PDB file of N, CA and C in Angstrom:
ATOM      1  N   UNK A   1     102.188 163.817 -72.301  1.00  0.00           N
ATOM      2  CA  UNK A   1     101.605 164.494 -73.446  1.00  0.00           C
ATOM      3  C   UNK A   1     101.712 163.557 -74.649  1.00  0.00           C
ATOM      4  N   UNK A   2     100.641 163.491 -75.430  1.00  0.00           N
ATOM      5  CA  UNK A   2     100.635 162.632 -76.603  1.00  0.00           C
ATOM      6  C   UNK A   2     101.511 163.205 -77.691  1.00  0.00           C
ATOM      7  N   UNK A   3     102.137 162.328 -78.418  1.00  0.00           N
ATOM      8  CA  UNK A   3     102.932 162.747 -79.577  1.00  0.00           C
ATOM      9  C   UNK A   3     102.076 162.530 -80.809  1.00  0.00           C
ATOM     10  N   UNK A   4     101.646 163.603 -81.432  1.00  0.00           N
ATOM     11  CA  UNK A   4     100.827 163.532 -82.639  1.00  0.00           C
ATOM     12  C   UNK A   4     101.300 164.655 -83.550  1.00  0.00           C
ATOM     13  N   UNK A   5     101.764 164.308 -84.727  1.00  0.00           N
ATOM     14  CA  UNK A   5     102.330 165.325 -85.620  1.00  0.00           C
ATOM     15  C   UNK A   5     101.307 166.369 -86.043  1.00  0.00           C
ATOM     16  N   UNK A   6     100.032 166.045 -86.028  1.00  0.00           N
ATOM     17  CA  UNK A   6      99.014 166.992 -86.473  1.00  0.00           C
ATOM     18  C   UNK A   6      98.549 167.927 -85.364  1.00  0.00           C
ATOM     19  N   UNK A   7      98.979 167.714 -84.138  1.00  0.00           N
ATOM     20  CA  UNK A   7      98.533 168.558 -83.036  1.00  0.00           C
ATOM     21  C   UNK A   7      99.656 169.469 -82.583  1.00  0.00           C
ATOM     22  N   UNK A   8      99.286 170.695 -82.294  1.00  0.00           N
ATOM     23  CA  UNK A   8     100.255 171.646 -81.765  1.00  0.00           C
ATOM     24  C   UNK A   8      99.642 172.285 -80.528  1.00  0.00           C
ATOM     25  N   UNK A   9     100.436 172.503 -79.515  1.00  0.00           N
ATOM     26  CA  UNK A   9      99.960 173.088 -78.270  1.00  0.00           C
ATOM     27  C   UNK A   9     100.451 174.531 -78.192  1.00  0.00           C
ATOM     28  N   UNK A  10      99.539 175.435 -77.883  1.00  0.00           N
ATOM     29  CA  UNK A  10      99.852 176.849 -77.742  1.00  0.00           C
ATOM     30  C   UNK A  10      99.714 177.201 -76.260  1.00  0.00           C
ATOM     31  N   UNK A  11     100.747 177.776 -75.655  1.00  0.00           N
ATOM     32  CA  UNK A  11     100.701 178.061 -74.233  1.00  0.00           C
ATOM     33  C   UNK A  11     100.339 179.490 -73.892  1.00  0.00           C
ATOM     34  N   UNK A  12     100.500 180.437 -74.766  1.00  0.00           N
ATOM     35  CA  UNK A  12     100.107 181.778 -74.376  1.00  0.00           C
ATOM     36  C   UNK A  12     100.614 182.836 -75.314  1.00  0.00           C
ATOM     37  N   UNK A  13     100.210 184.024 -75.040  1.00  0.00           N
ATOM     38  CA  UNK A  13     100.544 185.182 -75.835  1.00  0.00           C
ATOM     39  C   UNK A  13     101.984 185.586 -75.539  1.00  0.00           C
ATOM     40  N   UNK A  14     102.864 185.377 -76.502  1.00  0.00           N
ATOM     41  CA  UNK A  14     104.284 185.711 -76.361  1.00  0.00           C
ATOM     42  C   UNK A  14     104.867 185.232 -75.036  1.00  0.00           C
ATOM     43  N   UNK A  15     104.372 184.099 -74.548  1.00  0.00           N
ATOM     44  CA  UNK A  15     104.833 183.505 -73.293  1.00  0.00           C
ATOM     45  C   UNK A  15     104.710 184.454 -72.099  1.00  0.00           C
ATOM     46  N   UNK A  16     103.853 185.472 -72.215  1.00  0.00           N
ATOM     47  CA  UNK A  16     103.644 186.372 -71.076  1.00  0.00           C
ATOM     48  C   UNK A  16     102.819 185.695 -69.995  1.00  0.00           C
ATOM     49  N   UNK A  17     101.861 184.902 -70.396  1.00  0.00           N
ATOM     50  CA  UNK A  17     100.953 184.275 -69.448  1.00  0.00           C
ATOM     51  C   UNK A  17     100.606 182.874 -69.936  1.00  0.00           C
ATOM     52  N   UNK A  18     100.178 182.079 -69.016  1.00  0.00           N
ATOM     53  CA  UNK A  18      99.524 180.833 -69.385  1.00  0.00           C
ATOM     54  C   UNK A  18      98.052 181.180 -69.461  1.00  0.00           C
ATOM     55  N   UNK A  19      97.420 180.928 -70.567  1.00  0.00           N
ATOM     56  CA  UNK A  19      96.071 181.427 -70.797  1.00  0.00           C
ATOM     57  C   UNK A  19      94.965 180.508 -70.289  1.00  0.00           C
ATOM     58  N   UNK A  20      95.279 179.532 -69.490  1.00  0.00           N
ATOM     59  CA  UNK A  20      94.231 178.653 -68.994  1.00  0.00           C
ATOM     60  C   UNK A  20      94.328 177.309 -69.683  1.00  0.00           C
ATOM     61  N   UNK A  21      93.212 176.855 -70.222  1.00  0.00           N
ATOM     62  CA  UNK A  21      93.199 175.561 -70.886  1.00  0.00           C
ATOM     63  C   UNK A  21      94.135 175.552 -72.085  1.00  0.00           C
ATOM     64  N   UNK A  22      94.682 174.389 -72.367  1.00  0.00           N
ATOM     65  CA  UNK A  22      95.581 174.242 -73.498  1.00  0.00           C
ATOM     66  C   UNK A  22      94.771 174.134 -74.780  1.00  0.00           C
ATOM     67  N   UNK A  23      95.180 174.871 -75.779  1.00  0.00           N
ATOM     68  CA  UNK A  23      94.547 174.827 -77.088  1.00  0.00           C
ATOM     69  C   UNK A  23      95.180 173.700 -77.886  1.00  0.00           C
ATOM     70  N   UNK A  24      94.353 172.880 -78.502  1.00  0.00           N
ATOM     71  CA  UNK A  24      94.858 171.815 -79.357  1.00  0.00           C
ATOM     72  C   UNK A  24      94.408 172.063 -80.783  1.00  0.00           C
ATOM     73  N   UNK A  25      95.354 172.058 -81.707  1.00  0.00           N
ATOM     74  CA  UNK A  25      95.046 172.222 -83.128  1.00  0.00           C
ATOM     75  C   UNK A  25      95.229 170.889 -83.825  1.00  0.00           C
ATOM     76  N   UNK A  26      94.231 170.507 -84.601  1.00  0.00           N
ATOM     77  CA  UNK A  26      94.317 169.281 -85.374  1.00  0.00           C
ATOM     78  C   UNK A  26      94.000 169.616 -86.827  1.00  0.00           C
ATOM     79  N   UNK A  27      94.932 169.344 -87.718  1.00  0.00           N
ATOM     80  CA  UNK A  27      94.685 169.574 -89.137  1.00  0.00           C
ATOM     81  C   UNK A  27      93.818 168.425 -89.638  1.00  0.00           C
ATOM     82  N   UNK A  28      92.593 168.754 -90.022  1.00  0.00           N
ATOM     83  CA  UNK A  28      91.654 167.741 -90.495  1.00  0.00           C
ATOM     84  C   UNK A  28      91.843 167.443 -91.972  1.00  0.00           C
ATOM     85  N   UNK A  29      92.145 168.499 -92.732  1.00  0.00           N
ATOM     86  CA  UNK A  29      92.333 168.349 -94.169  1.00  0.00           C
ATOM     87  C   UNK A  29      93.190 169.507 -94.658  1.00  0.00           C
ATOM     88  N   UNK A  30      94.124 169.229 -95.575  1.00  0.00           N
ATOM     89  CA  UNK A  30      94.938 170.296 -96.143  1.00  0.00           C
ATOM     90  C   UNK A  30      95.219 169.982 -97.605  1.00  0.00           C
ATOM     91  N   UNK A  31      95.034 171.009 -98.436  1.00  0.00           N
ATOM     92  CA  UNK A  31      95.438 170.944 -99.835  1.00  0.00           C
ATOM     93  C   UNK A  31      96.373 172.127-100.070  1.00  0.00           C
ATOM     94  N   UNK A  32      96.756 172.355-101.315  1.00  0.00           N
ATOM     95  CA  UNK A  32      97.642 173.488-101.614  1.00  0.00           C
ATOM     96  C   UNK A  32      96.985 174.828-101.297  1.00  0.00           C
ATOM     97  N   UNK A  33      95.649 174.902-101.427  1.00  0.00           N
ATOM     98  CA  UNK A  33      94.940 176.174-101.244  1.00  0.00           C
ATOM     99  C   UNK A  33      94.023 176.213-100.037  1.00  0.00           C
ATOM    100  N   UNK A  34      93.705 175.067 -99.450  1.00  0.00           N
ATOM    101  CA  UNK A  34      92.702 175.030 -98.387  1.00  0.00           C
ATOM    102  C   UNK A  34      93.207 174.271 -97.176  1.00  0.00           C
ATOM    103  N   UNK A  35      92.610 174.626 -96.030  1.00  0.00           N
ATOM    104  CA  UNK A  35      92.915 173.910 -94.801  1.00  0.00           C
ATOM    105  C   UNK A  35      91.694 173.939 -93.889  1.00  0.00           C
ATOM    106  N   UNK A  36      91.446 172.831 -93.206  1.00  0.00           N
ATOM    107  CA  UNK A  36      90.449 172.714 -92.147  1.00  0.00           C
ATOM    108  C   UNK A  36      91.193 172.341 -90.881  1.00  0.00           C
ATOM    109  N   UNK A  37      91.014 173.122 -89.833  1.00  0.00           N
ATOM    110  CA  UNK A  37      91.714 172.880 -88.571  1.00  0.00           C
ATOM    111  C   UNK A  37      90.706 172.865 -87.430  1.00  0.00           C
ATOM    112  N   UNK A  38      90.713 171.794 -86.657  1.00  0.00           N
ATOM    113  CA  UNK A  38      89.903 171.751 -85.436  1.00  0.00           C
ATOM    114  C   UNK A  38      90.686 172.476 -84.357  1.00  0.00           C
ATOM    115  N   UNK A  39      90.030 173.410 -83.671  1.00  0.00           N
ATOM    116  CA  UNK A  39      90.685 174.241 -82.660  1.00  0.00           C
ATOM    117  C   UNK A  39      90.034 173.939 -81.308  1.00  0.00           C
ATOM    118  N   UNK A  40      90.482 172.861 -80.680  1.00  0.00           N
ATOM    119  CA  UNK A  40      89.894 172.426 -79.417  1.00  0.00           C
ATOM    120  C   UNK A  40      90.211 173.407 -78.299  1.00  0.00           C
ATOM    121  N   UNK A  41      89.223 173.650 -77.466  1.00  0.00           N
ATOM    122  CA  UNK A  41      89.424 174.510 -76.311  1.00  0.00           C
ATOM    123  C   UNK A  41      89.209 175.982 -76.588  1.00  0.00           C
ATOM    124  N   UNK A  42      88.748 176.334 -77.779  1.00  0.00           N
ATOM    125  CA  UNK A  42      88.523 177.742 -78.115  1.00  0.00           C
ATOM    126  C   UNK A  42      87.061 177.994 -78.461  1.00  0.00           C
ATOM    127  N   UNK A  43      86.722 179.270 -78.605  1.00  0.00           N
ATOM    128  CA  UNK A  43      85.340 179.657 -78.870  1.00  0.00           C
ATOM    129  C   UNK A  43      85.324 180.768 -79.920  1.00  0.00           C
ATOM    130  N   UNK A  44      84.181 181.414 -80.007  1.00  0.00           N
ATOM    131  CA  UNK A  44      84.018 182.503 -80.967  1.00  0.00           C
ATOM    132  C   UNK A  44      85.041 183.623 -80.743  1.00  0.00           C
ATOM    133  N   UNK A  45      85.457 183.843 -79.513  1.00  0.00           N
ATOM    134  CA  UNK A  45      86.335 184.967 -79.195  1.00  0.00           C
ATOM    135  C   UNK A  45      87.598 184.956 -80.046  1.00  0.00           C
ATOM    136  N   UNK A  46      88.348 183.894 -79.992  1.00  0.00           N
ATOM    137  CA  UNK A  46      89.588 183.819 -80.764  1.00  0.00           C
ATOM    138  C   UNK A  46      89.306 183.638 -82.251  1.00  0.00           C
ATOM    139  N   UNK A  47      88.387 182.743 -82.577  1.00  0.00           N
ATOM    140  CA  UNK A  47      88.163 182.415 -83.982  1.00  0.00           C
ATOM    141  C   UNK A  47      87.594 183.584 -84.776  1.00  0.00           C
ATOM    142  N   UNK A  48      86.768 184.398 -84.174  1.00  0.00           N
ATOM    143  CA  UNK A  48      86.243 185.561 -84.883  1.00  0.00           C
ATOM    144  C   UNK A  48      87.351 186.577 -85.157  1.00  0.00           C
ATOM    145  N   UNK A  49      88.239 186.788 -84.182  1.00  0.00           N
ATOM    146  CA  UNK A  49      89.370 187.701 -84.401  1.00  0.00           C
ATOM    147  C   UNK A  49      90.298 187.157 -85.477  1.00  0.00           C
ATOM    148  N   UNK A  50      90.581 185.856 -85.435  1.00  0.00           N
ATOM    149  CA  UNK A  50      91.456 185.245 -86.422  1.00  0.00           C
ATOM    150  C   UNK A  50      90.832 185.305 -87.814  1.00  0.00           C
ATOM    151  N   UNK A  51      89.552 185.027 -87.895  1.00  0.00           N
ATOM    152  CA  UNK A  51      88.848 185.107 -89.186  1.00  0.00           C
ATOM    153  C   UNK A  51      88.952 186.511 -89.769  1.00  0.00           C
ATOM    154  N   UNK A  52      88.750 187.517 -88.945  1.00  0.00           N
ATOM    155  CA  UNK A  52      88.832 188.900 -89.405  1.00  0.00           C
ATOM    156  C   UNK A  52      90.238 189.229 -89.893  1.00  0.00           C
ATOM    157  N   UNK A  53      91.245 188.803 -89.142  1.00  0.00           N
ATOM    158  CA  UNK A  53      92.635 189.043 -89.557  1.00  0.00           C
ATOM    159  C   UNK A  53      92.937 188.328 -90.875  1.00  0.00           C
ATOM    160  N   UNK A  54      92.429 187.134 -91.030  1.00  0.00           N
ATOM    161  CA  UNK A  54      92.644 186.387 -92.271  1.00  0.00           C
ATOM    162  C   UNK A  54      91.983 187.084 -93.456  1.00  0.00           C
ATOM    163  N   UNK A  55      90.774 187.580 -93.255  1.00  0.00           N
ATOM    164  CA  UNK A  55      90.053 188.237 -94.351  1.00  0.00           C
ATOM    165  C   UNK A  55      90.696 189.555 -94.770  1.00  0.00           C
ATOM    166  N   UNK A  56      91.548 190.114 -93.925  1.00  0.00           N
ATOM    167  CA  UNK A  56      92.283 191.323 -94.287  1.00  0.00           C
ATOM    168  C   UNK A  56      93.474 191.028 -95.193  1.00  0.00           C
ATOM    169  N   UNK A  57      93.800 189.764 -95.364  1.00  0.00           N
ATOM    170  CA  UNK A  57      94.913 189.345 -96.220  1.00  0.00           C
ATOM    171  C   UNK A  57      94.392 189.174 -97.646  1.00  0.00           C
ATOM    172  N   UNK A  58      95.034 189.824 -98.605  1.00  0.00           N
ATOM    173  CA  UNK A  58      94.563 189.780 -99.995  1.00  0.00           C
ATOM    174  C   UNK A  58      94.691 188.393-100.617  1.00  0.00           C
ATOM    175  N   UNK A  59      95.482 187.509-100.024  1.00  0.00           N
ATOM    176  CA  UNK A  59      95.640 186.154-100.546  1.00  0.00           C
ATOM    177  C   UNK A  59      94.532 185.210-100.075  1.00  0.00           C
ATOM    178  N   UNK A  60      93.711 185.664 -99.136  1.00  0.00           N
ATOM    179  CA  UNK A  60      92.652 184.815 -98.590  1.00  0.00           C
ATOM    180  C   UNK A  60      91.358 185.056 -99.347  1.00  0.00           C
ATOM    181  N   UNK A  61      90.808 183.978 -99.899  1.00  0.00           N
ATOM    182  CA  UNK A  61      89.523 184.055-100.590  1.00  0.00           C
ATOM    183  C   UNK A  61      88.367 183.804 -99.629  1.00  0.00           C
ATOM    184  N   UNK A  62      88.525 182.816 -98.742  1.00  0.00           N
ATOM    185  CA  UNK A  62      87.494 182.477 -97.757  1.00  0.00           C
ATOM    186  C   UNK A  62      88.175 182.191 -96.432  1.00  0.00           C
ATOM    187  N   UNK A  63      87.622 182.738 -95.373  1.00  0.00           N
ATOM    188  CA  UNK A  63      88.045 182.404 -94.013  1.00  0.00           C
ATOM    189  C   UNK A  63      86.780 182.380 -93.169  1.00  0.00           C
ATOM    190  N   UNK A  64      86.502 181.242 -92.595  1.00  0.00           N
ATOM    191  CA  UNK A  64      85.316 181.109 -91.767  1.00  0.00           C
ATOM    192  C   UNK A  64      85.550 180.005 -90.754  1.00  0.00           C
ATOM    193  N   UNK A  65      84.635 179.869 -89.830  1.00  0.00           N
ATOM    194  CA  UNK A  65      84.709 178.776 -88.876  1.00  0.00           C
ATOM    195  C   UNK A  65      83.302 178.330 -88.549  1.00  0.00           C
ATOM    196  N   UNK A  66      83.213 177.125 -88.012  1.00  0.00           N
ATOM    197  CA  UNK A  66      81.912 176.557 -87.669  1.00  0.00           C
ATOM    198  C   UNK A  66      82.009 175.899 -86.306  1.00  0.00           C
ATOM    199  N   UNK A  67      81.009 176.155 -85.489  1.00  0.00           N
ATOM    200  CA  UNK A  67      80.865 175.470 -84.209  1.00  0.00           C
ATOM    201  C   UNK A  67      79.486 174.835 -84.240  1.00  0.00           C
ATOM    202  N   UNK A  68      79.445 173.515 -84.387  1.00  0.00           N
ATOM    203  CA  UNK A  68      78.154 172.825 -84.503  1.00  0.00           C
ATOM    204  C   UNK A  68      77.283 173.056 -83.281  1.00  0.00           C
ATOM    205  N   UNK A  69      77.855 172.891 -82.103  1.00  0.00           N
ATOM    206  CA  UNK A  69      77.134 173.130 -80.852  1.00  0.00           C
ATOM    207  C   UNK A  69      78.148 173.631 -79.833  1.00  0.00           C
ATOM    208  N   UNK A  70      77.891 174.788 -79.228  1.00  0.00           N
ATOM    209  CA  UNK A  70      78.918 175.422 -78.392  1.00  0.00           C
ATOM    210  C   UNK A  70      79.352 174.623 -77.160  1.00  0.00           C
ATOM    211  N   UNK A  71      78.527 173.711 -76.675  1.00  0.00           N
ATOM    212  CA  UNK A  71      78.926 172.988 -75.468  1.00  0.00           C
ATOM    213  C   UNK A  71      79.436 171.576 -75.728  1.00  0.00           C
ATOM    214  N   UNK A  72      79.203 171.047 -76.932  1.00  0.00           N
ATOM    215  CA  UNK A  72      79.613 169.655 -77.159  1.00  0.00           C
ATOM    216  C   UNK A  72      80.490 169.448 -78.385  1.00  0.00           C
ATOM    217  N   UNK A  73      80.778 170.494 -79.142  1.00  0.00           N
ATOM    218  CA  UNK A  73      81.627 170.310 -80.316  1.00  0.00           C
ATOM    219  C   UNK A  73      82.758 171.333 -80.318  1.00  0.00           C
ATOM    220  N   UNK A  74      83.792 170.994 -81.039  1.00  0.00           N
ATOM    221  CA  UNK A  74      84.948 171.873 -81.163  1.00  0.00           C
ATOM    222  C   UNK A  74      84.832 172.676 -82.457  1.00  0.00           C
ATOM    223  N   UNK A  75      85.273 173.940 -82.440  1.00  0.00           N
ATOM    224  CA  UNK A  75      85.214 174.743 -83.660  1.00  0.00           C
ATOM    225  C   UNK A  75      86.194 174.240 -84.718  1.00  0.00           C
ATOM    226  N   UNK A  76      85.795 174.440 -85.979  1.00  0.00           N
ATOM    227  CA  UNK A  76      86.646 174.080 -87.110  1.00  0.00           C
ATOM    228  C   UNK A  76      86.850 175.332 -87.956  1.00  0.00           C
ATOM    229  N   UNK A  77      88.106 175.700 -88.170  1.00  0.00           N
ATOM    230  CA  UNK A  77      88.483 176.851 -88.994  1.00  0.00           C
ATOM    231  C   UNK A  77      88.698 176.369 -90.425  1.00  0.00           C
ATOM    232  N   UNK A  78      88.152 177.102 -91.387  1.00  0.00           N
ATOM    233  CA  UNK A  78      88.346 176.787 -92.801  1.00  0.00           C
ATOM    234  C   UNK A  78      88.938 178.005 -93.488  1.00  0.00           C
ATOM    235  N   UNK A  79      90.012 177.788 -94.245  1.00  0.00           N
ATOM    236  CA  UNK A  79      90.658 178.873 -94.983  1.00  0.00           C
ATOM    237  C   UNK A  79      90.937 178.393 -96.401  1.00  0.00           C
ATOM    238  N   UNK A  80      90.589 179.245 -97.382  1.00  0.00           N
ATOM    239  CA  UNK A  80      90.957 179.003 -98.781  1.00  0.00           C
ATOM    240  C   UNK A  80      91.707 180.226 -99.274  1.00  0.00           C
ATOM    241  N   UNK A  81      92.844 179.978 -99.947  1.00  0.00           N
ATOM    242  CA  UNK A  81      93.672 181.071-100.455  1.00  0.00           C
ATOM    243  C   UNK A  81      93.650 181.088-101.981  1.00  0.00           C
ATOM    244  N   UNK A  82      94.329 182.072-102.530  1.00  0.00           N
ATOM    245  CA  UNK A  82      94.462 182.199-103.982  1.00  0.00           C
ATOM    246  C   UNK A  82      95.576 181.318-104.529  1.00  0.00           C
ATOM    247  N   UNK A  83      96.106 180.465-103.727  1.00  0.00           N
ATOM    248  CA  UNK A  83      97.226 179.606-104.112  1.00  0.00           C
ATOM    249  C   UNK A  83      98.367 179.708-103.117  1.00  0.00           C
ATOM    250  N   UNK A  84      98.316 180.709-102.261  1.00  0.00           N
ATOM    251  CA  UNK A  84      99.317 180.856-101.198  1.00  0.00           C
ATOM    252  C   UNK A  84      99.143 179.709-100.198  1.00  0.00           C
ATOM    253  N   UNK A  85     100.239 179.365 -99.525  1.00  0.00           N
ATOM    254  CA  UNK A  85     100.195 178.301 -98.520  1.00  0.00           C
ATOM    255  C   UNK A  85      99.275 178.723 -97.374  1.00  0.00           C
ATOM    256  N   UNK A  86      98.183 177.980 -97.118  1.00  0.00           N
ATOM    257  CA  UNK A  86      97.256 178.391 -96.060  1.00  0.00           C
ATOM    258  C   UNK A  86      97.883 178.401 -94.668  1.00  0.00           C
ATOM    259  N   UNK A  87      98.858 177.540 -94.438  1.00  0.00           N
ATOM    260  CA  UNK A  87      99.523 177.537 -93.128  1.00  0.00           C
ATOM    261  C   UNK A  87     100.291 178.833 -92.922  1.00  0.00           C
ATOM    262  N   UNK A  88     101.010 179.277 -93.947  1.00  0.00           N
ATOM    263  CA  UNK A  88     101.760 180.528 -93.836  1.00  0.00           C
ATOM    264  C   UNK A  88     100.819 181.718 -93.659  1.00  0.00           C
ATOM    265  N   UNK A  89      99.676 181.690 -94.329  1.00  0.00           N
ATOM    266  CA  UNK A  89      98.689 182.773 -94.210  1.00  0.00           C
ATOM    267  C   UNK A  89      98.145 182.832 -92.781  1.00  0.00           C
ATOM    268  N   UNK A  90      97.871 181.678 -92.201  1.00  0.00           N
ATOM    269  CA  UNK A  90      97.368 181.636 -90.821  1.00  0.00           C
ATOM    270  C   UNK A  90      98.446 182.101 -89.846  1.00  0.00           C
ATOM    271  N   UNK A  91      99.686 181.703 -90.072  1.00  0.00           N
ATOM    272  CA  UNK A  91     100.784 182.169 -89.217  1.00  0.00           C
ATOM    273  C   UNK A  91     100.891 183.688 -89.253  1.00  0.00           C
ATOM    274  N   UNK A  92     100.801 184.261 -90.454  1.00  0.00           N
ATOM    275  CA  UNK A  92     100.905 185.719 -90.592  1.00  0.00           C
ATOM    276  C   UNK A  92      99.761 186.416 -89.856  1.00  0.00           C
ATOM    277  N   UNK A  93      98.542 185.925 -90.035  1.00  0.00           N
ATOM    278  CA  UNK A  93      97.387 186.525 -89.353  1.00  0.00           C
ATOM    279  C   UNK A  93      97.529 186.401 -87.841  1.00  0.00           C
ATOM    280  N   UNK A  94      98.027 185.261 -87.375  1.00  0.00           N
ATOM    281  CA  UNK A  94      98.218 185.052 -85.939  1.00  0.00           C
ATOM    282  C   UNK A  94      99.247 186.028 -85.370  1.00  0.00           C
ATOM    283  N   UNK A  95     100.331 186.239 -86.106  1.00  0.00           N
ATOM    284  CA  UNK A  95     101.353 187.190 -85.667  1.00  0.00           C
ATOM    285  C   UNK A  95     100.794 188.607 -85.604  1.00  0.00           C
ATOM    286  N   UNK A  96      99.935 188.959 -86.555  1.00  0.00           N
ATOM    287  CA  UNK A  96      99.315 190.279 -86.535  1.00  0.00           C
ATOM    288  C   UNK A  96      98.409 190.430 -85.316  1.00  0.00           C
ATOM    289  N   UNK A  97      97.677 189.377 -84.972  1.00  0.00           N
ATOM    290  CA  UNK A  97      96.831 189.424 -83.775  1.00  0.00           C
ATOM    291  C   UNK A  97      97.667 189.566 -82.509  1.00  0.00           C
ATOM    292  N   UNK A  98      98.760 188.835 -82.435  1.00  0.00           N
ATOM    293  CA  UNK A  98      99.643 188.930 -81.267  1.00  0.00           C
ATOM    294  C   UNK A  98     100.174 190.350 -81.142  1.00  0.00           C
ATOM    295  N   UNK A  99     100.569 190.941 -82.261  1.00  0.00           N
ATOM    296  CA  UNK A  99     101.081 192.319 -82.253  1.00  0.00           C
ATOM    297  C   UNK A  99     100.013 193.286 -81.737  1.00  0.00           C
ATOM    298  N   UNK A 100      98.783 193.135 -82.219  1.00  0.00           N
ATOM    299  CA  UNK A 100      97.695 194.006 -81.748  1.00  0.00           C
ATOM    300  C   UNK A 100      97.446 193.821 -80.262  1.00  0.00           C
ATOM    301  N   UNK A 101      97.445 192.577 -79.801  1.00  0.00           N
ATOM    302  CA  UNK A 101      97.221 192.311 -78.378  1.00  0.00           C
ATOM    303  C   UNK A 101      98.360 192.865 -77.531  1.00  0.00           C
ATOM    304  N   UNK A 102      99.582 192.704 -78.004  1.00  0.00           N
ATOM    305  CA  UNK A 102     100.723 193.255 -77.277  1.00  0.00           C
ATOM    306  C   UNK A 102     100.632 194.773 -77.173  1.00  0.00           C
ATOM    307  N   UNK A 103     100.236 195.428 -78.263  1.00  0.00           N
ATOM    308  CA  UNK A 103     100.071 196.883 -78.241  1.00  0.00           C
ATOM    309  C   UNK A 103      99.003 197.276 -77.228  1.00  0.00           C
ATOM    310  N   UNK A 104      97.907 196.533 -77.193  1.00  0.00           N
ATOM    311  CA  UNK A 104      96.846 196.825 -76.237  1.00  0.00           C
ATOM    312  C   UNK A 104      97.340 196.627 -74.805  1.00  0.00           C
ATOM    313  N   UNK A 105      98.031 195.513 -74.555  1.00  0.00           N
ATOM    314  CA  UNK A 105      98.546 195.235 -73.210  1.00  0.00           C
ATOM    315  C   UNK A 105      99.485 196.352 -72.761  1.00  0.00           C
ATOM    316  N   UNK A 106     100.391 196.772 -73.641  1.00  0.00           N
ATOM    317  CA  UNK A 106     101.338 197.830 -73.297  1.00  0.00           C
ATOM    318  C   UNK A 106     100.625 199.149 -73.012  1.00  0.00           C
ATOM    319  N   UNK A 107      99.687 199.522 -73.865  1.00  0.00           N
ATOM    320  CA  UNK A 107      98.939 200.769 -73.664  1.00  0.00           C
ATOM    321  C   UNK A 107      98.098 200.699 -72.397  1.00  0.00           C
ATOM    322  N   UNK A 108      97.425 199.586 -72.199  1.00  0.00           N
ATOM    323  CA  UNK A 108      96.590 199.418 -71.009  1.00  0.00           C
ATOM    324  C   UNK A 108      97.434 199.484 -69.742  1.00  0.00           C
ATOM    325  N   UNK A 109      98.589 198.862 -69.775  1.00  0.00           N
ATOM    326  CA  UNK A 109      99.477 198.872 -68.614  1.00  0.00           C
ATOM    327  C   UNK A 109      99.938 200.295 -68.303  1.00  0.00           C
ATOM    328  N   UNK A 110     100.302 201.061 -69.327  1.00  0.00           N
ATOM    329  CA  UNK A 110     100.722 202.458 -69.117  1.00  0.00           C
ATOM    330  C   UNK A 110      99.591 203.302 -68.549  1.00  0.00           C
ATOM    331  N   UNK A 111      98.387 203.101 -69.052  1.00  0.00           N
ATOM    332  CA  UNK A 111      97.258 203.933 -68.634  1.00  0.00           C
ATOM    333  C   UNK A 111      96.723 203.561 -67.252  1.00  0.00           C
ATOM    334  N   UNK A 112      97.035 202.365 -66.786  1.00  0.00           N
ATOM    335  CA  UNK A 112      96.477 201.933 -65.489  1.00  0.00           C
ATOM    336  C   UNK A 112      97.511 201.905 -64.375  1.00  0.00           C
ATOM    337  N   UNK A 113      98.679 202.500 -64.607  1.00  0.00           N
ATOM    338  CA  UNK A 113      99.702 202.553 -63.544  1.00  0.00           C
ATOM    339  C   UNK A 113      99.339 203.587 -62.530  1.00  0.00           C
TER     340      UNK A 113
END
């Protein structure tokens, strides 16, 4: 595995499962209020949920992503805050998504026993 300080590898939802391909995050640009992150190995599914969770945060002014071409380019997430640390805002939104997914998994498991 390559050692690159800007890349982080995510293995799965609360380590319950290995979700398939490894997601690679690369910080393309970061300022005090903004961040651009390339999210290799992902698609609209995750990024749309993350964008929605980010937009529910009152500290987020803009949250969007762009996929130039779905088969040959990697999506780029863009977040601008009111001055809050964009990394902390993304961490919070990600934790909220994990919580929602865990609740769904637990409910689904109970209902399908």
